[in-house]
Amino acid sequence: MRLSPGEVVTLVNLSASGILVEGKTRFVPGTRLTVIFEGPGAPSPAKGRVIRCQVSAIGEGGSLHYQSAIAFDETIDVPLGNPPEMSAPSPAAKPTAANRSEPQSQRLRNRW
């Protein structure tokens, strides 16, 4: 995924009202930007503003990585469920809490 203006970032957390990303750019709270999702099943770009930005890691040579929390201007549709290629466990799979045939609530799964 990308931020505009900005760079490619890593998704940390996603909800209908906002997103938490990690990257090399330090954003000032209040900065307006557009989140551009990439990949199959990705939501449409969403406009928002940075509400928080903090150092998340210090790399070799002192390079900094930041986590930025972005609140969307409008809620987005967040895809729920498993991607088609992961929707059914293999027949040989041993039953676990994650793949039992009992009804389970839908969980958010990233599709990209």
PDB file of N, CA and C in Angstrom:
ATOM      1  N   MET A   1       0.841  -1.166   0.000  1.00  0.00           N
ATOM      2  CA  MET A   1       0.000   0.000   0.000  1.00  0.00           C
ATOM      3  C   MET A   1       0.888   1.232   0.000  1.00  0.00           C
ATOM      4  N   ARG A   2       0.307   2.339  -0.414  1.00  0.00           N
ATOM      5  CA  ARG A   2       1.062   3.592  -0.506  1.00  0.00           C
ATOM      6  C   ARG A   2       0.272   4.715   0.136  1.00  0.00           C
ATOM      7  N   LEU A   3       0.995   5.760   0.508  1.00  0.00           N
ATOM      8  CA  LEU A   3       0.380   7.000   0.968  1.00  0.00           C
ATOM      9  C   LEU A   3       0.729   8.080  -0.033  1.00  0.00           C
ATOM     10  N   SER A   4      -0.198   8.972  -0.289  1.00  0.00           N
ATOM     11  CA  SER A   4       0.060  10.079  -1.202  1.00  0.00           C
ATOM     12  C   SER A   4      -0.344  11.383  -0.519  1.00  0.00           C
ATOM     13  N   PRO A   5       0.558  12.317  -0.263  1.00  0.00           N
ATOM     14  CA  PRO A   5       1.983  12.194  -0.559  1.00  0.00           C
ATOM     15  C   PRO A   5       2.629  11.228   0.424  1.00  0.00           C
ATOM     16  N   GLY A   6       3.719  10.649  -0.013  1.00  0.00           N
ATOM     17  CA  GLY A   6       4.437   9.729   0.854  1.00  0.00           C
ATOM     18  C   GLY A   6       5.054   8.600   0.075  1.00  0.00           C
ATOM     19  N   GLU A   7       5.090   7.464   0.684  1.00  0.00           N
ATOM     20  CA  GLU A   7       5.827   6.328   0.150  1.00  0.00           C
ATOM     21  C   GLU A   7       5.045   5.041   0.348  1.00  0.00           C
ATOM     22  N   VAL A   8       5.674   3.941  -0.028  1.00  0.00           N
ATOM     23  CA  VAL A   8       5.126   2.617   0.244  1.00  0.00           C
ATOM     24  C   VAL A   8       5.233   2.386   1.744  1.00  0.00           C
ATOM     25  N   VAL A   9       4.164   1.867   2.337  1.00  0.00           N
ATOM     26  CA  VAL A   9       4.135   1.595   3.768  1.00  0.00           C
ATOM     27  C   VAL A   9       3.647   0.167   3.996  1.00  0.00           C
ATOM     28  N   THR A  10       3.830  -0.315   5.216  1.00  0.00           N
ATOM     29  CA  THR A  10       3.383  -1.643   5.607  1.00  0.00           C
ATOM     30  C   THR A  10       2.128  -1.518   6.463  1.00  0.00           C
ATOM     31  N   LEU A  11       1.120  -2.302   6.136  1.00  0.00           N
ATOM     32  CA  LEU A  11      -0.116  -2.314   6.901  1.00  0.00           C
ATOM     33  C   LEU A  11       0.136  -2.986   8.252  1.00  0.00           C
ATOM     34  N   VAL A  12      -0.284  -2.310   9.331  1.00  0.00           N
ATOM     35  CA  VAL A  12      -0.200  -2.878  10.670  1.00  0.00           C
ATOM     36  C   VAL A  12      -1.596  -3.277  11.142  1.00  0.00           C
ATOM     37  N   ASN A  13      -2.576  -2.388  10.924  1.00  0.00           N
ATOM     38  CA  ASN A  13      -3.935  -2.632  11.390  1.00  0.00           C
ATOM     39  C   ASN A  13      -4.891  -1.824  10.514  1.00  0.00           C
ATOM     40  N   LEU A  14      -6.091  -2.357  10.298  1.00  0.00           N
ATOM     41  CA  LEU A  14      -7.065  -1.709   9.441  1.00  0.00           C
ATOM     42  C   LEU A  14      -8.451  -1.842  10.041  1.00  0.00           C
ATOM     43  N   SER A  15      -9.214  -0.763  10.004  1.00  0.00           N
ATOM     44  CA  SER A  15     -10.627  -0.800  10.391  1.00  0.00           C
ATOM     45  C   SER A  15     -11.395   0.048   9.396  1.00  0.00           C
ATOM     46  N   ALA A  16     -12.700   0.084   9.525  1.00  0.00           N
ATOM     47  CA  ALA A  16     -13.530   0.881   8.626  1.00  0.00           C
ATOM     48  C   ALA A  16     -13.293   2.376   8.806  1.00  0.00           C
ATOM     49  N   SER A  17     -12.796   2.784   9.966  1.00  0.00           N
ATOM     50  CA  SER A  17     -12.626   4.216  10.238  1.00  0.00           C
ATOM     51  C   SER A  17     -11.185   4.702  10.184  1.00  0.00           C
ATOM     52  N   GLY A  18     -10.219   3.792  10.047  1.00  0.00           N
ATOM     53  CA  GLY A  18      -8.836   4.239  10.011  1.00  0.00           C
ATOM     54  C   GLY A  18      -7.864   3.106   9.806  1.00  0.00           C
ATOM     55  N   ILE A  19      -6.582   3.481   9.798  1.00  0.00           N
ATOM     56  CA  ILE A  19      -5.531   2.515   9.495  1.00  0.00           C
ATOM     57  C   ILE A  19      -4.276   2.864  10.288  1.00  0.00           C
ATOM     58  N   LEU A  20      -3.495   1.853  10.613  1.00  0.00           N
ATOM     59  CA  LEU A  20      -2.193   2.038  11.232  1.00  0.00           C
ATOM     60  C   LEU A  20      -1.174   1.456  10.276  1.00  0.00           C
ATOM     61  N   VAL A  21      -0.195   2.268   9.880  1.00  0.00           N
ATOM     62  CA  VAL A  21       0.819   1.841   8.921  1.00  0.00           C
ATOM     63  C   VAL A  21       2.201   2.100   9.487  1.00  0.00           C
ATOM     64  N   GLU A  22       3.200   1.434   8.890  1.00  0.00           N
ATOM     65  CA  GLU A  22       4.586   1.654   9.293  1.00  0.00           C
ATOM     66  C   GLU A  22       5.409   1.965   8.059  1.00  0.00           C
ATOM     67  N   GLY A  23       6.277   2.948   8.177  1.00  0.00           N
ATOM     68  CA  GLY A  23       7.126   3.341   7.064  1.00  0.00           C
ATOM     69  C   GLY A  23       8.266   4.217   7.540  1.00  0.00           C
ATOM     70  N   LYS A  24       8.983   4.790   6.575  1.00  0.00           N
ATOM     71  CA  LYS A  24      10.163   5.596   6.895  1.00  0.00           C
ATOM     72  C   LYS A  24       9.875   7.086   6.976  1.00  0.00           C
ATOM     73  N   THR A  25       8.650   7.491   6.671  1.00  0.00           N
ATOM     74  CA  THR A  25       8.308   8.906   6.674  1.00  0.00           C
ATOM     75  C   THR A  25       7.673   9.296   8.002  1.00  0.00           C
ATOM     76  N   ARG A  26       8.134  10.414   8.566  1.00  0.00           N
ATOM     77  CA  ARG A  26       7.526  10.970   9.779  1.00  0.00           C
ATOM     78  C   ARG A  26       6.483  11.980   9.338  1.00  0.00           C
ATOM     79  N   PHE A  27       5.234  11.734   9.714  1.00  0.00           N
ATOM     80  CA  PHE A  27       4.145  12.648   9.375  1.00  0.00           C
ATOM     81  C   PHE A  27       3.773  13.482  10.594  1.00  0.00           C
ATOM     82  N   VAL A  28       3.498  14.737  10.363  1.00  0.00           N
ATOM     83  CA  VAL A  28       3.032  15.630  11.423  1.00  0.00           C
ATOM     84  C   VAL A  28       1.535  15.391  11.618  1.00  0.00           C
ATOM     85  N   PRO A  29       1.073  15.193  12.858  1.00  0.00           N
ATOM     86  CA  PRO A  29      -0.362  15.044  13.072  1.00  0.00           C
ATOM     87  C   PRO A  29      -1.133  16.195  12.429  1.00  0.00           C
ATOM     88  N   GLY A  30      -2.235  15.856  11.784  1.00  0.00           N
ATOM     89  CA  GLY A  30      -3.030  16.843  11.063  1.00  0.00           C
ATOM     90  C   GLY A  30      -2.765  16.830   9.567  1.00  0.00           C
ATOM     91  N   THR A  31      -1.665  16.191   9.137  1.00  0.00           N
ATOM     92  CA  THR A  31      -1.346  16.103   7.713  1.00  0.00           C
ATOM     93  C   THR A  31      -2.446  15.354   6.973  1.00  0.00           C
ATOM     94  N   ARG A  32      -2.924  15.928   5.867  1.00  0.00           N
ATOM     95  CA  ARG A  32      -3.953  15.293   5.034  1.00  0.00           C
ATOM     96  C   ARG A  32      -3.249  14.442   3.981  1.00  0.00           C
ATOM     97  N   LEU A  33      -3.789  13.253   3.724  1.00  0.00           N
ATOM     98  CA  LEU A  33      -3.209  12.378   2.713  1.00  0.00           C
ATOM     99  C   LEU A  33      -4.241  11.394   2.192  1.00  0.00           C
ATOM    100  N   THR A  34      -3.834  10.628   1.188  1.00  0.00           N
ATOM    101  CA  THR A  34      -4.691   9.597   0.612  1.00  0.00           C
ATOM    102  C   THR A  34      -4.013   8.249   0.794  1.00  0.00           C
ATOM    103  N   VAL A  35      -4.757   7.273   1.283  1.00  0.00           N
ATOM    104  CA  VAL A  35      -4.272   5.906   1.427  1.00  0.00           C
ATOM    105  C   VAL A  35      -4.661   5.161   0.161  1.00  0.00           C
ATOM    106  N   ILE A  36      -3.663   4.594  -0.514  1.00  0.00           N
ATOM    107  CA  ILE A  36      -3.903   3.875  -1.761  1.00  0.00           C
ATOM    108  C   ILE A  36      -3.637   2.394  -1.509  1.00  0.00           C
ATOM    109  N   PHE A  37      -4.711   1.610  -1.492  1.00  0.00           N
ATOM    110  CA  PHE A  37      -4.605   0.171  -1.266  1.00  0.00           C
ATOM    111  C   PHE A  37      -4.231  -0.502  -2.567  1.00  0.00           C
ATOM    112  N   GLU A  38      -3.467  -1.583  -2.485  1.00  0.00           N
ATOM    113  CA  GLU A  38      -3.045  -2.302  -3.682  1.00  0.00           C
ATOM    114  C   GLU A  38      -3.347  -3.774  -3.524  1.00  0.00           C
ATOM    115  N   GLY A  39      -3.545  -4.459  -4.640  1.00  0.00           N
ATOM    116  CA  GLY A  39      -3.765  -5.892  -4.621  1.00  0.00           C
ATOM    117  C   GLY A  39      -5.209  -6.261  -4.904  1.00  0.00           C
ATOM    118  N   PRO A  40      -5.442  -7.558  -5.146  1.00  0.00           N
ATOM    119  CA  PRO A  40      -6.802  -8.018  -5.452  1.00  0.00           C
ATOM    120  C   PRO A  40      -7.733  -7.818  -4.259  1.00  0.00           C
ATOM    121  N   GLY A  41      -8.920  -7.330  -4.529  1.00  0.00           N
ATOM    122  CA  GLY A  41      -9.908  -7.113  -3.472  1.00  0.00           C
ATOM    123  C   GLY A  41      -9.644  -5.901  -2.603  1.00  0.00           C
ATOM    124  N   ALA A  42      -8.707  -5.057  -3.020  1.00  0.00           N
ATOM    125  CA  ALA A  42      -8.354  -3.881  -2.213  1.00  0.00           C
ATOM    126  C   ALA A  42      -9.463  -2.836  -2.256  1.00  0.00           C
ATOM    127  N   PRO A  43      -9.707  -2.159  -1.121  1.00  0.00           N
ATOM    128  CA  PRO A  43     -10.694  -1.071  -1.118  1.00  0.00           C
ATOM    129  C   PRO A  43     -10.236   0.092  -2.007  1.00  0.00           C
ATOM    130  N   SER A  44     -11.154   0.963  -2.352  1.00  0.00           N
ATOM    131  CA  SER A  44     -10.822   2.170  -3.120  1.00  0.00           C
ATOM    132  C   SER A  44      -9.948   3.077  -2.274  1.00  0.00           C
ATOM    133  N   PRO A  45      -9.177   3.984  -2.913  1.00  0.00           N
ATOM    134  CA  PRO A  45      -8.365   4.925  -2.133  1.00  0.00           C
ATOM    135  C   PRO A  45      -9.233   5.691  -1.127  1.00  0.00           C
ATOM    136  N   ALA A  46      -8.655   6.007   0.024  1.00  0.00           N
ATOM    137  CA  ALA A  46      -9.391   6.697   1.085  1.00  0.00           C
ATOM    138  C   ALA A  46      -8.605   7.916   1.546  1.00  0.00           C
ATOM    139  N   LYS A  47      -9.288   9.044   1.643  1.00  0.00           N
ATOM    140  CA  LYS A  47      -8.662  10.265   2.147  1.00  0.00           C
ATOM    141  C   LYS A  47      -8.787  10.307   3.660  1.00  0.00           C
ATOM    142  N   GLY A  48      -7.781  10.893   4.299  1.00  0.00           N
ATOM    143  CA  GLY A  48      -7.812  10.982   5.754  1.00  0.00           C
ATOM    144  C   GLY A  48      -6.767  11.951   6.271  1.00  0.00           C
ATOM    145  N   ARG A  49      -6.583  11.922   7.596  1.00  0.00           N
ATOM    146  CA  ARG A  49      -5.578  12.776   8.224  1.00  0.00           C
ATOM    147  C   ARG A  49      -4.827  11.987   9.269  1.00  0.00           C
ATOM    148  N   VAL A  50      -3.563  12.329   9.439  1.00  0.00           N
ATOM    149  CA  VAL A  50      -2.713  11.672  10.427  1.00  0.00           C
ATOM    150  C   VAL A  50      -3.142  12.155  11.806  1.00  0.00           C
ATOM    151  N   ILE A  51      -3.410  11.216  12.697  1.00  0.00           N
ATOM    152  CA  ILE A  51      -3.787  11.600  14.059  1.00  0.00           C
ATOM    153  C   ILE A  51      -2.673  11.307  15.062  1.00  0.00           C
ATOM    154  N   ARG A  52      -1.735  10.428  14.658  1.00  0.00           N
ATOM    155  CA  ARG A  52      -0.618  10.105  15.544  1.00  0.00           C
ATOM    156  C   ARG A  52       0.515   9.544  14.714  1.00  0.00           C
ATOM    157  N   CYS A  53       1.756   9.869  15.096  1.00  0.00           N
ATOM    158  CA  CYS A  53       2.933   9.324  14.439  1.00  0.00           C
ATOM    159  C   CYS A  53       4.023   9.182  15.486  1.00  0.00           C
ATOM    160  N   GLN A  54       4.605   7.982  15.583  1.00  0.00           N
ATOM    161  CA  GLN A  54       5.642   7.762  16.588  1.00  0.00           C
ATOM    162  C   GLN A  54       6.700   6.802  16.055  1.00  0.00           C
ATOM    163  N   VAL A  55       7.896   6.882  16.610  1.00  0.00           N
ATOM    164  CA  VAL A  55       8.976   5.977  16.226  1.00  0.00           C
ATOM    165  C   VAL A  55       8.594   4.566  16.649  1.00  0.00           C
ATOM    166  N   SER A  56       8.730   3.610  15.719  1.00  0.00           N
ATOM    167  CA  SER A  56       8.408   2.219  16.029  1.00  0.00           C
ATOM    168  C   SER A  56       9.645   1.334  16.050  1.00  0.00           C
ATOM    169  N   ALA A  57      10.721   1.764  15.376  1.00  0.00           N
ATOM    170  CA  ALA A  57      11.948   0.967  15.343  1.00  0.00           C
ATOM    171  C   ALA A  57      13.119   1.846  14.938  1.00  0.00           C
ATOM    172  N   ILE A  58      14.288   1.452  15.403  1.00  0.00           N
ATOM    173  CA  ILE A  58      15.525   2.109  14.986  1.00  0.00           C
ATOM    174  C   ILE A  58      16.366   1.041  14.303  1.00  0.00           C
ATOM    175  N   GLY A  59      16.660   1.280  13.024  1.00  0.00           N
ATOM    176  CA  GLY A  59      17.403   0.303  12.231  1.00  0.00           C
ATOM    177  C   GLY A  59      18.899   0.530  12.314  1.00  0.00           C
ATOM    178  N   GLU A  60      19.614  -0.276  11.527  1.00  0.00           N
ATOM    179  CA  GLU A  60      21.063  -0.135  11.458  1.00  0.00           C
ATOM    180  C   GLU A  60      21.424   1.262  10.960  1.00  0.00           C
ATOM    181  N   GLY A  61      22.454   1.820  11.527  1.00  0.00           N
ATOM    182  CA  GLY A  61      22.875   3.155  11.129  1.00  0.00           C
ATOM    183  C   GLY A  61      21.978   4.253  11.670  1.00  0.00           C
ATOM    184  N   GLY A  62      21.051   3.892  12.547  1.00  0.00           N
ATOM    185  CA  GLY A  62      20.191   4.895  13.155  1.00  0.00           C
ATOM    186  C   GLY A  62      18.975   5.287  12.334  1.00  0.00           C
ATOM    187  N   SER A  63      18.674   4.540  11.254  1.00  0.00           N
ATOM    188  CA  SER A  63      17.481   4.871  10.464  1.00  0.00           C
ATOM    189  C   SER A  63      16.226   4.613  11.296  1.00  0.00           C
ATOM    190  N   LEU A  64      15.280   5.509  11.191  1.00  0.00           N
ATOM    191  CA  LEU A  64      14.059   5.417  11.980  1.00  0.00           C
ATOM    192  C   LEU A  64      12.894   4.897  11.145  1.00  0.00           C
ATOM    193  N   HIS A  65      12.034   4.129  11.785  1.00  0.00           N
ATOM    194  CA  HIS A  65      10.776   3.682  11.199  1.00  0.00           C
ATOM    195  C   HIS A  65       9.664   4.226  12.093  1.00  0.00           C
ATOM    196  N   TYR A  66       8.573   4.647  11.452  1.00  0.00           N
ATOM    197  CA  TYR A  66       7.472   5.284  12.178  1.00  0.00           C
ATOM    198  C   TYR A  66       6.176   4.521  11.968  1.00  0.00           C
ATOM    199  N   GLN A  67       5.341   4.495  13.007  1.00  0.00           N
ATOM    200  CA  GLN A  67       3.971   4.041  12.865  1.00  0.00           C
ATOM    201  C   GLN A  67       3.097   5.275  12.832  1.00  0.00           C
ATOM    202  N   SER A  68       2.214   5.326  11.828  1.00  0.00           N
ATOM    203  CA  SER A  68       1.310   6.458  11.654  1.00  0.00           C
ATOM    204  C   SER A  68      -0.132   5.970  11.699  1.00  0.00           C
ATOM    205  N   ALA A  69      -0.934   6.593  12.552  1.00  0.00           N
ATOM    206  CA  ALA A  69      -2.365   6.300  12.630  1.00  0.00           C
ATOM    207  C   ALA A  69      -3.093   7.337  11.794  1.00  0.00           C
ATOM    208  N   ILE A  70      -3.939   6.858  10.893  1.00  0.00           N
ATOM    209  CA  ILE A  70      -4.645   7.729   9.960  1.00  0.00           C
ATOM    210  C   ILE A  70      -6.149   7.497  10.118  1.00  0.00           C
ATOM    211  N   ALA A  71      -6.886   8.559  10.381  1.00  0.00           N
ATOM    212  CA  ALA A  71      -8.350   8.487  10.469  1.00  0.00           C
ATOM    213  C   ALA A  71      -8.920   8.836   9.103  1.00  0.00           C
ATOM    214  N   PHE A  72      -9.786   7.965   8.569  1.00  0.00           N
ATOM    215  CA  PHE A  72     -10.411   8.222   7.277  1.00  0.00           C
ATOM    216  C   PHE A  72     -11.470   9.309   7.420  1.00  0.00           C
ATOM    217  N   ASP A  73     -11.645  10.104   6.349  1.00  0.00           N
ATOM    218  CA  ASP A  73     -12.702  11.117   6.322  1.00  0.00           C
ATOM    219  C   ASP A  73     -14.084  10.458   6.322  1.00  0.00           C
ATOM    220  N   GLU A  74     -14.193   9.319   5.640  1.00  0.00           N
ATOM    221  CA  GLU A  74     -15.443   8.549   5.580  1.00  0.00           C
ATOM    222  C   GLU A  74     -15.093   7.084   5.804  1.00  0.00           C
ATOM    223  N   THR A  75     -16.010   6.344   6.407  1.00  0.00           N
ATOM    224  CA  THR A  75     -15.735   4.929   6.628  1.00  0.00           C
ATOM    225  C   THR A  75     -15.610   4.205   5.294  1.00  0.00           C
ATOM    226  N   ILE A  76     -14.816   3.143   5.298  1.00  0.00           N
ATOM    227  CA  ILE A  76     -14.624   2.341   4.089  1.00  0.00           C
ATOM    228  C   ILE A  76     -15.214   0.955   4.315  1.00  0.00           C
ATOM    229  N   ASP A  77     -15.460   0.247   3.216  1.00  0.00           N
ATOM    230  CA  ASP A  77     -15.899  -1.144   3.307  1.00  0.00           C
ATOM    231  C   ASP A  77     -14.656  -1.999   3.480  1.00  0.00           C
ATOM    232  N   VAL A  78     -14.587  -2.699   4.603  1.00  0.00           N
ATOM    233  CA  VAL A  78     -13.449  -3.568   4.884  1.00  0.00           C
ATOM    234  C   VAL A  78     -13.844  -4.979   4.502  1.00  0.00           C
ATOM    235  N   PRO A  79     -13.070  -5.630   3.603  1.00  0.00           N
ATOM    236  CA  PRO A  79     -13.418  -6.990   3.200  1.00  0.00           C
ATOM    237  C   PRO A  79     -13.328  -7.934   4.395  1.00  0.00           C
ATOM    238  N   LEU A  80     -14.371  -8.755   4.581  1.00  0.00           N
ATOM    239  CA  LEU A  80     -14.382  -9.748   5.648  1.00  0.00           C
ATOM    240  C   LEU A  80     -14.302 -11.134   5.050  1.00  0.00           C
ATOM    241  N   GLY A  81     -13.799 -12.064   5.809  1.00  0.00           N
ATOM    242  CA  GLY A  81     -13.719 -13.448   5.364  1.00  0.00           C
ATOM    243  C   GLY A  81     -12.362 -13.770   4.792  1.00  0.00           C
ATOM    244  N   ASN A  82     -12.213 -15.019   4.411  1.00  0.00           N
ATOM    245  CA  ASN A  82     -10.949 -15.495   3.871  1.00  0.00           C
ATOM    246  C   ASN A  82     -10.911 -15.306   2.364  1.00  0.00           C
ATOM    247  N   PRO A  83      -9.720 -15.075   1.803  1.00  0.00           N
ATOM    248  CA  PRO A  83      -9.609 -15.060   0.347  1.00  0.00           C
ATOM    249  C   PRO A  83     -10.012 -16.425  -0.196  1.00  0.00           C
ATOM    250  N   PRO A  84     -10.508 -16.491  -1.444  1.00  0.00           N
ATOM    251  CA  PRO A  84     -11.000 -17.759  -1.990  1.00  0.00           C
ATOM    252  C   PRO A  84      -9.996 -18.903  -1.866  1.00  0.00           C
ATOM    253  N   GLU A  85      -8.709 -18.663  -2.097  1.00  0.00           N
ATOM    254  CA  GLU A  85      -7.731 -19.737  -2.066  1.00  0.00           C
ATOM    255  C   GLU A  85      -7.475 -20.258  -0.651  1.00  0.00           C
ATOM    256  N   MET A  86      -7.962 -19.561   0.375  1.00  0.00           N
ATOM    257  CA  MET A  86      -7.738 -19.992   1.741  1.00  0.00           C
ATOM    258  C   MET A  86      -9.056 -20.268   2.472  1.00  0.00           C
ATOM    259  N   SER A  87     -10.162 -20.343   1.751  1.00  0.00           N
ATOM    260  CA  SER A  87     -11.457 -20.412   2.411  1.00  0.00           C
ATOM    261  C   SER A  87     -11.771 -21.782   3.009  1.00  0.00           C
ATOM    262  N   ALA A  88     -11.196 -22.857   2.478  1.00  0.00           N
ATOM    263  CA  ALA A  88     -11.513 -24.184   3.004  1.00  0.00           C
ATOM    264  C   ALA A  88     -10.226 -24.901   3.387  1.00  0.00           C
ATOM    265  N   PRO A  89     -10.186 -25.495   4.584  1.00  0.00           N
ATOM    266  CA  PRO A  89      -9.003 -26.259   4.967  1.00  0.00           C
ATOM    267  C   PRO A  89      -8.911 -27.531   4.127  1.00  0.00           C
ATOM    268  N   SER A  90      -7.702 -28.054   3.985  1.00  0.00           N
ATOM    269  CA  SER A  90      -7.542 -29.290   3.222  1.00  0.00           C
ATOM    270  C   SER A  90      -8.205 -30.433   3.972  1.00  0.00           C
ATOM    271  N   PRO A  91      -8.695 -31.473   3.245  1.00  0.00           N
ATOM    272  CA  PRO A  91      -9.381 -32.584   3.906  1.00  0.00           C
ATOM    273  C   PRO A  91      -8.501 -33.292   4.929  1.00  0.00           C
ATOM    274  N   ALA A  92      -7.192 -33.274   4.732  1.00  0.00           N
ATOM    275  CA  ALA A  92      -6.280 -33.954   5.646  1.00  0.00           C
ATOM    276  C   ALA A  92      -5.955 -33.115   6.875  1.00  0.00           C
ATOM    277  N   ALA A  93      -6.421 -31.884   6.899  1.00  0.00           N
ATOM    278  CA  ALA A  93      -6.087 -30.996   8.012  1.00  0.00           C
ATOM    279  C   ALA A  93      -6.716 -31.512   9.302  1.00  0.00           C
ATOM    280  N   LYS A  94      -5.929 -31.515  10.350  1.00  0.00           N
ATOM    281  CA  LYS A  94      -6.418 -31.941  11.656  1.00  0.00           C
ATOM    282  C   LYS A  94      -7.302 -30.837  12.226  1.00  0.00           C
ATOM    283  N   PRO A  95      -8.482 -31.154  12.762  1.00  0.00           N
ATOM    284  CA  PRO A  95      -9.363 -30.112  13.309  1.00  0.00           C
ATOM    285  C   PRO A  95      -8.672 -29.326  14.423  1.00  0.00           C
ATOM    286  N   THR A  96      -8.780 -28.027  14.336  1.00  0.00           N
ATOM    287  CA  THR A  96      -8.267 -27.126  15.359  1.00  0.00           C
ATOM    288  C   THR A  96      -9.339 -26.093  15.620  1.00  0.00           C
ATOM    289  N   ALA A  97      -9.080 -25.222  16.570  1.00  0.00           N
ATOM    290  CA  ALA A  97     -10.037 -24.155  16.855  1.00  0.00           C
ATOM    291  C   ALA A  97     -10.270 -23.295  15.618  1.00  0.00           C
ATOM    292  N   ALA A  98      -9.275 -23.175  14.749  1.00  0.00           N
ATOM    293  CA  ALA A  98      -9.380 -22.303  13.581  1.00  0.00           C
ATOM    294  C   ALA A  98     -10.129 -22.948  12.416  1.00  0.00           C
ATOM    295  N   ASN A  99     -10.164 -24.306  12.323  1.00  0.00           N
ATOM    296  CA  ASN A  99     -10.795 -24.900  11.137  1.00  0.00           C
ATOM    297  C   ASN A  99     -11.892 -25.903  11.454  1.00  0.00           C
ATOM    298  N   ARG A 100     -12.451 -25.911  12.647  1.00  0.00           N
ATOM    299  CA  ARG A 100     -13.581 -26.773  12.978  1.00  0.00           C
ATOM    300  C   ARG A 100     -14.784 -26.396  12.133  1.00  0.00           C
ATOM    301  N   SER A 101     -15.696 -27.339  11.951  1.00  0.00           N
ATOM    302  CA  SER A 101     -16.877 -27.064  11.145  1.00  0.00           C
ATOM    303  C   SER A 101     -17.956 -26.328  11.929  1.00  0.00           C
ATOM    304  N   GLU A 102     -17.695 -26.018  13.196  1.00  0.00           N
ATOM    305  CA  GLU A 102     -18.657 -25.268  13.995  1.00  0.00           C
ATOM    306  C   GLU A 102     -18.768 -23.850  13.461  1.00  0.00           C
ATOM    307  N   PRO A 103     -19.951 -23.224  13.583  1.00  0.00           N
ATOM    308  CA  PRO A 103     -20.092 -21.843  13.126  1.00  0.00           C
ATOM    309  C   PRO A 103     -19.137 -20.933  13.898  1.00  0.00           C
ATOM    310  N   GLN A 104     -18.506 -20.040  13.172  1.00  0.00           N
ATOM    311  CA  GLN A 104     -17.596 -19.089  13.794  1.00  0.00           C
ATOM    312  C   GLN A 104     -17.901 -17.708  13.267  1.00  0.00           C
ATOM    313  N   SER A 105     -17.613 -16.707  14.062  1.00  0.00           N
ATOM    314  CA  SER A 105     -17.839 -15.338  13.612  1.00  0.00           C
ATOM    315  C   SER A 105     -16.844 -14.992  12.525  1.00  0.00           C
ATOM    316  N   GLN A 106     -17.248 -14.079  11.646  1.00  0.00           N
ATOM    317  CA  GLN A 106     -16.337 -13.628  10.606  1.00  0.00           C
ATOM    318  C   GLN A 106     -15.208 -12.847  11.236  1.00  0.00           C
ATOM    319  N   ARG A 107     -14.006 -13.028  10.717  1.00  0.00           N
ATOM    320  CA  ARG A 107     -12.843 -12.308  11.210  1.00  0.00           C
ATOM    321  C   ARG A 107     -12.248 -11.533  10.055  1.00  0.00           C
ATOM    322  N   LEU A 108     -11.684 -10.414  10.362  1.00  0.00           N
ATOM    323  CA  LEU A 108     -11.055  -9.592   9.349  1.00  0.00           C
ATOM    324  C   LEU A 108      -9.798 -10.283   8.834  1.00  0.00           C
ATOM    325  N   ARG A 109      -9.678 -10.434   7.543  1.00  0.00           N
ATOM    326  CA  ARG A 109      -8.502 -11.013   6.918  1.00  0.00           C
ATOM    327  C   ARG A 109      -8.041 -10.072   5.820  1.00  0.00           C
ATOM    328  N   ASN A 110      -6.769  -9.754   5.801  1.00  0.00           N
ATOM    329  CA  ASN A 110      -6.234  -8.919   4.731  1.00  0.00           C
ATOM    330  C   ASN A 110      -6.215  -9.724   3.448  1.00  0.00           C
ATOM    331  N   ARG A 111      -6.641  -9.119   2.360  1.00  0.00           N
ATOM    332  CA  ARG A 111      -6.671  -9.806   1.076  1.00  0.00           C
ATOM    333  C   ARG A 111      -5.509  -9.380   0.180  1.00  0.00           C
ATOM    334  N   TRP A 112      -4.645  -8.546   0.653  1.00  0.00           N
ATOM    335  CA  TRP A 112      -3.530  -8.119  -0.174  1.00  0.00           C
ATOM    336  C   TRP A 112      -2.251  -8.217   0.572  1.00  0.00           C
TER     337      TRP A 112
END
